[in-house]
Amino acid sequence: MPRQGLDAQQVVARAAQIADADGLAQVTLARVAAELGVRAPSLYNHVAGRPALLRALAIRSLAELTAELREAAVGRSGADALRAIAHAYRAYAHRHPGRYAATLGAPAADDQQYAAAAQHAVGVLLAVLAGWGLEGEQALHRVRVLRAALHGFVTLEAEGGFGLPLDLDTSFDLLLQTVIAGLATAG
């Protein structure tokens, strides 16, 4: 019988806290259970194992990231919107490194809920790219380019990969200028 008051949402919330504090690899049923004051087998009343827990964490994290991207884009268009969502993306990755890591995998082809969460995030990017007249496959390729550029930067930043004594914000702004210039010449 499930512990009174404990639900799947609380289990995922604790997993998110662990992921942000100690890394996604540290999210285990045993660790989550210990922090919730229950035994690991009792978590099966709320999640069907670690893969299901990580999937739920990914969906939750994608929803959070999408909300932040959408909020950043509101009232903006074109390059201004792209800069705003890029800064929101970077800020989310800084504040929630474990949750950010949970967003990186692609959903299984038959996982409609996970795919929908991912599509909402992509939808925000597609809406911004529409300002350049991009649609269909051309827009999706640009979403990949943008995601790769942003992910590369935030990952190198998080891992201490920028050792030169240069301002990281200036480098990030240059990355965005480069991406924006590429979009402006895209055909």
N, C-alpha and C. Protein backbone atom coordinates (compact mmCIF):
# COMPACT_ATOMS: atom_id res chain seq x y z
N MET A 1 0.84 -1.18 0.00
CA MET A 1 0.00 0.00 0.00
C MET A 1 0.88 1.24 0.00
N PRO A 2 0.61 2.24 -0.86
CA PRO A 2 1.42 3.45 -0.92
C PRO A 2 1.39 4.24 0.39
N ARG A 3 2.51 4.87 0.70
CA ARG A 3 2.55 5.73 1.88
C ARG A 3 1.55 6.85 1.71
N GLN A 4 0.79 7.10 2.74
CA GLN A 4 -0.24 8.14 2.68
C GLN A 4 0.41 9.48 2.35
N GLY A 5 -0.13 10.14 1.33
CA GLY A 5 0.36 11.46 0.95
C GLY A 5 1.46 11.43 -0.10
N LEU A 6 2.08 10.29 -0.32
CA LEU A 6 3.14 10.21 -1.33
C LEU A 6 2.49 9.89 -2.68
N ASP A 7 2.92 10.62 -3.70
CA ASP A 7 2.39 10.35 -5.04
C ASP A 7 3.52 10.44 -6.07
N ALA A 8 3.19 10.10 -7.30
CA ALA A 8 4.19 10.09 -8.36
C ALA A 8 4.82 11.46 -8.55
N GLN A 9 4.03 12.51 -8.42
CA GLN A 9 4.55 13.86 -8.60
C GLN A 9 5.64 14.18 -7.56
N GLN A 10 5.43 13.75 -6.33
CA GLN A 10 6.44 13.97 -5.28
C GLN A 10 7.70 13.15 -5.55
N VAL A 11 7.51 11.96 -6.07
CA VAL A 11 8.65 11.10 -6.39
C VAL A 11 9.50 11.76 -7.48
N VAL A 12 8.84 12.26 -8.52
CA VAL A 12 9.55 12.92 -9.62
C VAL A 12 10.19 14.23 -9.14
N ALA A 13 9.51 14.95 -8.29
CA ALA A 13 10.07 16.20 -7.75
C ALA A 13 11.35 15.92 -6.96
N ARG A 14 11.36 14.84 -6.17
CA ARG A 14 12.57 14.51 -5.42
C ARG A 14 13.67 14.06 -6.37
N ALA A 15 13.31 13.32 -7.40
CA ALA A 15 14.30 12.92 -8.41
C ALA A 15 14.91 14.15 -9.06
N ALA A 16 14.09 15.16 -9.35
CA ALA A 16 14.60 16.41 -9.95
C ALA A 16 15.59 17.10 -9.02
N GLN A 17 15.29 17.12 -7.74
CA GLN A 17 16.20 17.74 -6.77
C GLN A 17 17.54 17.00 -6.73
N ILE A 18 17.47 15.69 -6.71
CA ILE A 18 18.70 14.89 -6.69
C ILE A 18 19.50 15.11 -7.97
N ALA A 19 18.82 15.10 -9.11
CA ALA A 19 19.50 15.31 -10.39
C ALA A 19 20.22 16.64 -10.42
N ASP A 20 19.56 17.70 -9.95
CA ASP A 20 20.19 19.02 -9.97
C ASP A 20 21.35 19.11 -8.98
N ALA A 21 21.21 18.47 -7.84
CA ALA A 21 22.25 18.55 -6.81
C ALA A 21 23.46 17.68 -7.13
N ASP A 22 23.21 16.47 -7.63
CA ASP A 22 24.29 15.49 -7.74
C ASP A 22 24.46 14.85 -9.11
N GLY A 23 23.61 15.20 -10.06
CA GLY A 23 23.71 14.65 -11.40
C GLY A 23 22.66 13.60 -11.67
N LEU A 24 22.29 13.49 -12.92
CA LEU A 24 21.24 12.57 -13.35
C LEU A 24 21.59 11.12 -13.01
N ALA A 25 22.86 10.76 -13.07
CA ALA A 25 23.27 9.38 -12.77
C ALA A 25 22.96 8.99 -11.32
N GLN A 26 22.84 9.97 -10.46
CA GLN A 26 22.57 9.69 -9.04
C GLN A 26 21.09 9.48 -8.74
N VAL A 27 20.25 9.63 -9.77
CA VAL A 27 18.81 9.41 -9.58
C VAL A 27 18.56 7.91 -9.67
N THR A 28 18.42 7.29 -8.51
CA THR A 28 18.11 5.87 -8.42
C THR A 28 16.89 5.71 -7.53
N LEU A 29 16.22 4.59 -7.67
CA LEU A 29 15.06 4.35 -6.80
C LEU A 29 15.48 4.30 -5.34
N ALA A 30 16.63 3.70 -5.06
CA ALA A 30 17.10 3.62 -3.68
C ALA A 30 17.34 5.01 -3.10
N ARG A 31 17.97 5.87 -3.87
CA ARG A 31 18.26 7.23 -3.37
C ARG A 31 16.99 8.03 -3.19
N VAL A 32 16.09 7.98 -4.15
CA VAL A 32 14.83 8.72 -4.04
C VAL A 32 14.04 8.21 -2.85
N ALA A 33 13.95 6.90 -2.71
CA ALA A 33 13.21 6.32 -1.59
C ALA A 33 13.80 6.75 -0.25
N ALA A 34 15.12 6.68 -0.14
CA ALA A 34 15.76 7.07 1.12
C ALA A 34 15.45 8.52 1.47
N GLU A 35 15.48 9.38 0.48
CA GLU A 35 15.22 10.80 0.74
C GLU A 35 13.75 11.07 1.05
N LEU A 36 12.88 10.19 0.58
CA LEU A 36 11.45 10.33 0.87
C LEU A 36 11.05 9.57 2.15
N GLY A 37 12.00 8.85 2.73
CA GLY A 37 11.73 8.12 3.96
C GLY A 37 10.89 6.87 3.77
N VAL A 38 11.04 6.24 2.60
CA VAL A 38 10.34 4.99 2.33
C VAL A 38 11.35 3.97 1.81
N ARG A 39 10.90 2.74 1.67
CA ARG A 39 11.76 1.71 1.10
C ARG A 39 11.61 1.73 -0.42
N ALA A 40 12.67 1.41 -1.12
CA ALA A 40 12.68 1.46 -2.59
C ALA A 40 11.53 0.69 -3.23
N PRO A 41 11.19 -0.52 -2.77
CA PRO A 41 10.08 -1.23 -3.42
C PRO A 41 8.75 -0.47 -3.37
N SER A 42 8.58 0.37 -2.37
CA SER A 42 7.32 1.10 -2.28
C SER A 42 7.18 2.15 -3.38
N LEU A 43 8.29 2.53 -4.01
CA LEU A 43 8.20 3.49 -5.11
C LEU A 43 7.52 2.90 -6.33
N TYR A 44 7.51 1.56 -6.42
CA TYR A 44 6.85 0.91 -7.56
C TYR A 44 5.33 1.15 -7.55
N ASN A 45 4.81 1.65 -6.45
CA ASN A 45 3.40 2.05 -6.41
C ASN A 45 3.19 3.35 -7.20
N HIS A 46 4.30 4.06 -7.49
CA HIS A 46 4.21 5.37 -8.13
C HIS A 46 4.93 5.46 -9.48
N VAL A 47 5.99 4.67 -9.64
CA VAL A 47 6.73 4.61 -10.91
C VAL A 47 7.14 3.17 -11.17
N ALA A 48 7.19 2.81 -12.44
CA ALA A 48 7.49 1.43 -12.81
C ALA A 48 8.98 1.22 -13.04
N GLY A 49 9.79 1.62 -12.08
CA GLY A 49 11.23 1.42 -12.18
C GLY A 49 11.99 2.68 -12.57
N ARG A 50 13.31 2.56 -12.58
CA ARG A 50 14.16 3.72 -12.87
C ARG A 50 13.93 4.29 -14.26
N PRO A 51 13.82 3.47 -15.32
CA PRO A 51 13.56 4.05 -16.64
C PRO A 51 12.29 4.90 -16.67
N ALA A 52 11.25 4.43 -16.00
CA ALA A 52 10.00 5.20 -15.95
C ALA A 52 10.18 6.49 -15.16
N LEU A 53 10.97 6.42 -14.10
CA LEU A 53 11.25 7.62 -13.31
C LEU A 53 12.01 8.65 -14.15
N LEU A 54 13.03 8.20 -14.87
CA LEU A 54 13.80 9.11 -15.72
C LEU A 54 12.94 9.68 -16.85
N ARG A 55 12.04 8.87 -17.39
CA ARG A 55 11.12 9.34 -18.42
C ARG A 55 10.22 10.43 -17.86
N ALA A 56 9.66 10.20 -16.69
CA ALA A 56 8.79 11.19 -16.05
C ALA A 56 9.57 12.47 -15.74
N LEU A 57 10.81 12.32 -15.32
CA LEU A 57 11.65 13.49 -15.06
C LEU A 57 11.92 14.25 -16.35
N ALA A 58 12.15 13.55 -17.44
CA ALA A 58 12.38 14.19 -18.73
C ALA A 58 11.14 14.98 -19.17
N ILE A 59 9.97 14.38 -19.04
CA ILE A 59 8.73 15.05 -19.43
C ILE A 59 8.51 16.30 -18.58
N ARG A 60 8.70 16.16 -17.29
CA ARG A 60 8.54 17.32 -16.40
C ARG A 60 9.54 18.41 -16.75
N SER A 61 10.79 18.03 -16.98
CA SER A 61 11.85 19.01 -17.28
C SER A 61 11.61 19.69 -18.62
N LEU A 62 11.15 18.93 -19.61
CA LEU A 62 10.82 19.53 -20.90
C LEU A 62 9.70 20.54 -20.76
N ALA A 63 8.71 20.23 -19.94
CA ALA A 63 7.61 21.18 -19.72
C ALA A 63 8.11 22.45 -19.05
N GLU A 64 9.00 22.31 -18.08
CA GLU A 64 9.57 23.49 -17.41
C GLU A 64 10.38 24.33 -18.39
N LEU A 65 11.25 23.67 -19.15
CA LEU A 65 12.09 24.38 -20.11
C LEU A 65 11.23 25.05 -21.17
N THR A 66 10.23 24.36 -21.67
CA THR A 66 9.34 24.94 -22.68
C THR A 66 8.65 26.18 -22.14
N ALA A 67 8.18 26.13 -20.92
CA ALA A 67 7.51 27.30 -20.32
C ALA A 67 8.46 28.48 -20.24
N GLU A 68 9.71 28.22 -19.88
CA GLU A 68 10.68 29.31 -19.78
C GLU A 68 11.03 29.87 -21.16
N LEU A 69 11.16 29.00 -22.14
CA LEU A 69 11.45 29.46 -23.51
C LEU A 69 10.28 30.28 -24.04
N ARG A 70 9.09 29.79 -23.83
CA ARG A 70 7.88 30.48 -24.31
C ARG A 70 7.77 31.86 -23.65
N GLU A 71 7.97 31.89 -22.35
CA GLU A 71 7.89 33.17 -21.62
C GLU A 71 8.94 34.16 -22.14
N ALA A 72 10.12 33.66 -22.42
CA ALA A 72 11.19 34.53 -22.92
C ALA A 72 10.85 35.10 -24.29
N ALA A 73 10.14 34.33 -25.10
CA ALA A 73 9.84 34.75 -26.47
C ALA A 73 8.64 35.70 -26.57
N VAL A 74 7.79 35.70 -25.56
CA VAL A 74 6.56 36.50 -25.63
C VAL A 74 6.88 37.97 -25.89
N GLY A 75 6.20 38.51 -26.91
CA GLY A 75 6.37 39.92 -27.24
C GLY A 75 7.60 40.24 -28.06
N ARG A 76 8.31 39.21 -28.47
CA ARG A 76 9.54 39.41 -29.24
C ARG A 76 9.42 38.67 -30.56
N SER A 77 10.27 39.05 -31.50
CA SER A 77 10.31 38.34 -32.77
C SER A 77 11.72 38.40 -33.33
N GLY A 78 11.96 37.56 -34.31
CA GLY A 78 13.24 37.56 -35.01
C GLY A 78 14.42 37.36 -34.08
N ALA A 79 15.47 38.12 -34.35
CA ALA A 79 16.72 37.99 -33.60
C ALA A 79 16.53 38.26 -32.10
N ASP A 80 15.66 39.20 -31.78
CA ASP A 80 15.40 39.50 -30.37
C ASP A 80 14.80 38.29 -29.66
N ALA A 81 13.86 37.62 -30.32
CA ALA A 81 13.25 36.42 -29.73
C ALA A 81 14.27 35.29 -29.61
N LEU A 82 15.09 35.13 -30.64
CA LEU A 82 16.09 34.06 -30.59
C LEU A 82 17.08 34.30 -29.45
N ARG A 83 17.54 35.54 -29.29
CA ARG A 83 18.45 35.85 -28.18
C ARG A 83 17.78 35.57 -26.84
N ALA A 84 16.52 35.95 -26.71
CA ALA A 84 15.81 35.77 -25.45
C ALA A 84 15.66 34.29 -25.10
N ILE A 85 15.28 33.47 -26.08
CA ILE A 85 15.12 32.05 -25.76
C ILE A 85 16.48 31.39 -25.52
N ALA A 86 17.50 31.85 -26.21
CA ALA A 86 18.84 31.29 -25.99
C ALA A 86 19.32 31.59 -24.57
N HIS A 87 19.08 32.79 -24.10
CA HIS A 87 19.47 33.14 -22.73
C HIS A 87 18.63 32.37 -21.72
N ALA A 88 17.35 32.15 -22.02
CA ALA A 88 16.50 31.37 -21.13
C ALA A 88 16.97 29.91 -21.09
N TYR A 89 17.37 29.38 -22.23
CA TYR A 89 17.88 28.01 -22.32
C TYR A 89 19.14 27.87 -21.46
N ARG A 90 20.04 28.80 -21.62
CA ARG A 90 21.29 28.78 -20.86
C ARG A 90 21.01 28.91 -19.37
N ALA A 91 20.12 29.81 -19.00
CA ALA A 91 19.80 30.01 -17.58
C ALA A 91 19.18 28.75 -16.98
N TYR A 92 18.30 28.09 -17.73
CA TYR A 92 17.70 26.84 -17.24
C TYR A 92 18.78 25.79 -17.02
N ALA A 93 19.68 25.65 -17.97
CA ALA A 93 20.76 24.67 -17.84
C ALA A 93 21.65 24.98 -16.63
N HIS A 94 21.86 26.24 -16.33
CA HIS A 94 22.65 26.62 -15.16
C HIS A 94 21.91 26.30 -13.86
N ARG A 95 20.64 26.68 -13.80
CA ARG A 95 19.86 26.51 -12.57
C ARG A 95 19.51 25.05 -12.30
N HIS A 96 19.30 24.29 -13.35
CA HIS A 96 18.82 22.92 -13.22
C HIS A 96 19.66 21.95 -14.06
N PRO A 97 20.91 21.76 -13.71
CA PRO A 97 21.78 20.93 -14.56
C PRO A 97 21.30 19.49 -14.72
N GLY A 98 20.77 18.91 -13.68
CA GLY A 98 20.28 17.54 -13.78
C GLY A 98 19.00 17.43 -14.59
N ARG A 99 18.10 18.37 -14.40
CA ARG A 99 16.87 18.39 -15.18
C ARG A 99 17.20 18.67 -16.64
N TYR A 100 18.14 19.60 -16.87
CA TYR A 100 18.56 19.88 -18.24
C TYR A 100 19.08 18.59 -18.90
N ALA A 101 19.91 17.85 -18.19
CA ALA A 101 20.45 16.60 -18.72
C ALA A 101 19.32 15.62 -19.07
N ALA A 102 18.25 15.65 -18.29
CA ALA A 102 17.12 14.76 -18.55
C ALA A 102 16.39 15.11 -19.85
N THR A 103 16.54 16.34 -20.33
CA THR A 103 15.84 16.77 -21.55
C THR A 103 16.54 16.36 -22.83
N LEU A 104 17.74 15.82 -22.74
CA LEU A 104 18.57 15.66 -23.93
C LEU A 104 18.20 14.47 -24.81
N GLY A 105 17.66 13.43 -24.25
CA GLY A 105 17.34 12.25 -25.04
C GLY A 105 16.10 12.45 -25.90
N ALA A 106 16.07 11.73 -26.99
CA ALA A 106 14.88 11.75 -27.84
C ALA A 106 13.90 10.69 -27.34
N PRO A 107 12.62 11.00 -27.37
CA PRO A 107 11.64 10.00 -26.92
C PRO A 107 11.55 8.82 -27.88
N ALA A 108 11.13 7.69 -27.35
CA ALA A 108 10.87 6.53 -28.20
C ALA A 108 9.74 6.87 -29.16
N ALA A 109 9.78 6.31 -30.33
CA ALA A 109 8.81 6.63 -31.37
C ALA A 109 7.38 6.36 -30.95
N ASP A 110 7.16 5.40 -30.07
CA ASP A 110 5.80 5.06 -29.65
C ASP A 110 5.38 5.72 -28.33
N ASP A 111 6.19 6.62 -27.81
CA ASP A 111 5.88 7.29 -26.53
C ASP A 111 5.25 8.64 -26.82
N GLN A 112 3.95 8.66 -26.95
CA GLN A 112 3.24 9.86 -27.36
C GLN A 112 3.34 11.00 -26.35
N GLN A 113 3.28 10.68 -25.06
CA GLN A 113 3.35 11.73 -24.04
C GLN A 113 4.72 12.41 -24.05
N TYR A 114 5.76 11.63 -24.09
CA TYR A 114 7.12 12.16 -24.11
C TYR A 114 7.35 12.93 -25.42
N ALA A 115 6.90 12.36 -26.53
CA ALA A 115 7.06 13.02 -27.83
C ALA A 115 6.32 14.36 -27.85
N ALA A 116 5.15 14.42 -27.24
CA ALA A 116 4.40 15.67 -27.18
C ALA A 116 5.15 16.72 -26.37
N ALA A 117 5.74 16.31 -25.26
CA ALA A 117 6.51 17.25 -24.44
C ALA A 117 7.69 17.81 -25.23
N ALA A 118 8.38 16.93 -25.95
CA ALA A 118 9.51 17.37 -26.78
C ALA A 118 9.03 18.28 -27.90
N GLN A 119 7.90 17.94 -28.50
CA GLN A 119 7.37 18.74 -29.61
C GLN A 119 6.97 20.14 -29.15
N HIS A 120 6.50 20.27 -27.93
CA HIS A 120 6.15 21.61 -27.42
C HIS A 120 7.39 22.50 -27.37
N ALA A 121 8.52 21.93 -26.92
CA ALA A 121 9.77 22.69 -26.88
C ALA A 121 10.21 23.07 -28.29
N VAL A 122 10.17 22.11 -29.20
CA VAL A 122 10.54 22.37 -30.59
C VAL A 122 9.60 23.41 -31.19
N GLY A 123 8.34 23.36 -30.82
CA GLY A 123 7.36 24.32 -31.33
C GLY A 123 7.70 25.76 -31.02
N VAL A 124 8.24 25.99 -29.84
CA VAL A 124 8.66 27.36 -29.49
C VAL A 124 9.78 27.81 -30.42
N LEU A 125 10.73 26.93 -30.65
CA LEU A 125 11.85 27.27 -31.54
C LEU A 125 11.36 27.48 -32.98
N LEU A 126 10.44 26.62 -33.42
CA LEU A 126 9.90 26.78 -34.78
C LEU A 126 9.16 28.11 -34.93
N ALA A 127 8.45 28.51 -33.90
CA ALA A 127 7.73 29.79 -33.95
C ALA A 127 8.70 30.95 -34.09
N VAL A 128 9.81 30.87 -33.40
CA VAL A 128 10.83 31.93 -33.52
C VAL A 128 11.46 31.90 -34.90
N LEU A 129 11.77 30.72 -35.40
CA LEU A 129 12.41 30.60 -36.71
C LEU A 129 11.48 31.01 -37.85
N ALA A 130 10.20 30.99 -37.61
CA ALA A 130 9.25 31.44 -38.63
C ALA A 130 9.50 32.90 -39.01
N GLY A 131 10.10 33.65 -38.11
CA GLY A 131 10.46 35.04 -38.40
C GLY A 131 11.47 35.16 -39.53
N TRP A 132 12.15 34.10 -39.85
CA TRP A 132 13.09 34.07 -40.97
C TRP A 132 12.46 33.42 -42.20
N GLY A 133 11.19 33.14 -42.12
CA GLY A 133 10.51 32.51 -43.24
C GLY A 133 10.83 31.03 -43.37
N LEU A 134 11.32 30.43 -42.31
CA LEU A 134 11.70 29.02 -42.34
C LEU A 134 10.53 28.15 -41.89
N GLU A 135 10.33 27.07 -42.61
CA GLU A 135 9.28 26.12 -42.24
C GLU A 135 9.68 24.74 -42.71
N GLY A 136 8.92 23.75 -42.27
CA GLY A 136 9.16 22.37 -42.69
C GLY A 136 10.54 21.87 -42.31
N GLU A 137 11.12 21.07 -43.21
CA GLU A 137 12.44 20.49 -42.94
C GLU A 137 13.51 21.55 -42.74
N GLN A 138 13.44 22.64 -43.51
CA GLN A 138 14.45 23.69 -43.38
C GLN A 138 14.45 24.25 -41.96
N ALA A 139 13.28 24.45 -41.40
CA ALA A 139 13.17 24.96 -40.04
C ALA A 139 13.67 23.92 -39.04
N LEU A 140 13.32 22.65 -39.26
CA LEU A 140 13.76 21.61 -38.33
C LEU A 140 15.28 21.45 -38.33
N HIS A 141 15.90 21.58 -39.50
CA HIS A 141 17.37 21.53 -39.54
C HIS A 141 17.95 22.68 -38.72
N ARG A 142 17.34 23.86 -38.82
CA ARG A 142 17.82 25.02 -38.05
C ARG A 142 17.59 24.83 -36.56
N VAL A 143 16.50 24.15 -36.19
CA VAL A 143 16.29 23.84 -34.77
C VAL A 143 17.43 22.97 -34.27
N ARG A 144 17.84 21.99 -35.06
CA ARG A 144 18.96 21.14 -34.68
C ARG A 144 20.25 21.94 -34.53
N VAL A 145 20.48 22.84 -35.47
CA VAL A 145 21.68 23.68 -35.41
C VAL A 145 21.67 24.53 -34.14
N LEU A 146 20.54 25.16 -33.89
CA LEU A 146 20.43 26.01 -32.71
C LEU A 146 20.61 25.20 -31.44
N ARG A 147 19.93 24.07 -31.35
CA ARG A 147 20.04 23.23 -30.16
C ARG A 147 21.48 22.74 -29.97
N ALA A 148 22.13 22.34 -31.04
CA ALA A 148 23.52 21.87 -30.94
C ALA A 148 24.44 22.99 -30.47
N ALA A 149 24.25 24.19 -31.01
CA ALA A 149 25.09 25.32 -30.60
C ALA A 149 24.88 25.65 -29.13
N LEU A 150 23.63 25.73 -28.71
CA LEU A 150 23.34 26.07 -27.32
C LEU A 150 23.81 24.97 -26.38
N HIS A 151 23.52 23.72 -26.73
CA HIS A 151 23.94 22.61 -25.88
C HIS A 151 25.46 22.55 -25.78
N GLY A 152 26.12 22.71 -26.90
CA GLY A 152 27.59 22.69 -26.86
C GLY A 152 28.14 23.75 -25.93
N PHE A 153 27.59 24.94 -26.02
CA PHE A 153 28.10 26.03 -25.18
C PHE A 153 27.82 25.74 -23.70
N VAL A 154 26.57 25.41 -23.37
CA VAL A 154 26.25 25.22 -21.94
C VAL A 154 26.97 24.02 -21.36
N THR A 155 27.21 23.00 -22.18
CA THR A 155 27.92 21.83 -21.68
C THR A 155 29.39 22.15 -21.44
N LEU A 156 30.03 22.80 -22.40
CA LEU A 156 31.42 23.20 -22.19
C LEU A 156 31.55 24.13 -20.98
N GLU A 157 30.61 25.03 -20.86
CA GLU A 157 30.62 25.95 -19.72
C GLU A 157 30.49 25.19 -18.40
N ALA A 158 29.54 24.26 -18.32
CA ALA A 158 29.31 23.50 -17.10
C ALA A 158 30.50 22.62 -16.74
N GLU A 159 31.18 22.11 -17.75
CA GLU A 159 32.31 21.20 -17.53
C GLU A 159 33.64 21.94 -17.36
N GLY A 160 33.60 23.26 -17.35
CA GLY A 160 34.84 24.02 -17.21
C GLY A 160 35.70 23.98 -18.44
N GLY A 161 35.08 23.82 -19.61
CA GLY A 161 35.81 23.68 -20.85
C GLY A 161 36.30 24.98 -21.46
N PHE A 162 35.93 26.09 -20.89
CA PHE A 162 36.40 27.39 -21.38
C PHE A 162 37.43 27.93 -20.39
N GLY A 163 38.68 27.56 -20.61
CA GLY A 163 39.73 27.91 -19.66
C GLY A 163 40.36 29.27 -19.85
N LEU A 164 40.21 29.85 -21.01
CA LEU A 164 40.83 31.16 -21.25
C LEU A 164 40.13 32.24 -20.44
N PRO A 165 40.88 33.23 -20.01
CA PRO A 165 40.29 34.29 -19.18
C PRO A 165 39.53 35.33 -20.02
N LEU A 166 38.50 34.85 -20.70
CA LEU A 166 37.64 35.72 -21.50
C LEU A 166 36.23 35.66 -20.92
N ASP A 167 35.49 36.72 -21.08
CA ASP A 167 34.13 36.80 -20.57
C ASP A 167 33.22 35.82 -21.31
N LEU A 168 32.58 34.92 -20.57
CA LEU A 168 31.72 33.91 -21.19
C LEU A 168 30.46 34.52 -21.79
N ASP A 169 29.94 35.56 -21.18
CA ASP A 169 28.74 36.20 -21.74
C ASP A 169 29.04 36.79 -23.11
N THR A 170 30.23 37.37 -23.26
CA THR A 170 30.63 37.92 -24.56
C THR A 170 30.73 36.80 -25.59
N SER A 171 31.32 35.68 -25.19
CA SER A 171 31.43 34.54 -26.09
C SER A 171 30.05 34.01 -26.47
N PHE A 172 29.14 33.95 -25.50
CA PHE A 172 27.79 33.46 -25.78
C PHE A 172 27.07 34.40 -26.74
N ASP A 173 27.22 35.69 -26.53
CA ASP A 173 26.60 36.66 -27.44
C ASP A 173 27.17 36.53 -28.85
N LEU A 174 28.47 36.25 -28.96
CA LEU A 174 29.08 36.05 -30.27
C LEU A 174 28.53 34.79 -30.93
N LEU A 175 28.34 33.74 -30.15
CA LEU A 175 27.72 32.53 -30.68
C LEU A 175 26.34 32.86 -31.26
N LEU A 176 25.56 33.63 -30.52
CA LEU A 176 24.22 33.98 -30.99
C LEU A 176 24.28 34.85 -32.24
N GLN A 177 25.20 35.80 -32.28
CA GLN A 177 25.35 36.64 -33.47
C GLN A 177 25.67 35.78 -34.69
N THR A 178 26.52 34.78 -34.49
CA THR A 178 26.92 33.89 -35.58
C THR A 178 25.73 33.06 -36.07
N VAL A 179 24.96 32.52 -35.14
CA VAL A 179 23.78 31.73 -35.51
C VAL A 179 22.76 32.62 -36.23
N ILE A 180 22.54 33.81 -35.68
CA ILE A 180 21.57 34.74 -36.29
C ILE A 180 22.01 35.15 -37.69
N ALA A 181 23.28 35.41 -37.86
CA ALA A 181 23.80 35.75 -39.19
C ALA A 181 23.60 34.60 -40.17
N GLY A 182 23.78 33.38 -39.69
CA GLY A 182 23.56 32.21 -40.53
C GLY A 182 22.10 32.06 -40.92
N LEU A 183 21.21 32.37 -39.99
CA LEU A 183 19.78 32.29 -40.30
C LEU A 183 19.38 33.35 -41.33
N ALA A 184 20.01 34.52 -41.22
CA ALA A 184 19.69 35.60 -42.14
C ALA A 184 20.09 35.27 -43.58
N THR A 185 21.09 34.41 -43.73
CA THR A 185 21.55 34.05 -45.08
C THR A 185 21.01 32.70 -45.53
N ALA A 186 20.24 32.04 -44.66
CA ALA A 186 19.71 30.71 -44.98
C ALA A 186 18.70 30.80 -46.10
N GLY A 187 18.75 29.82 -46.95
CA GLY A 187 17.82 29.82 -48.07
C GLY A 187 17.07 28.54 -48.21
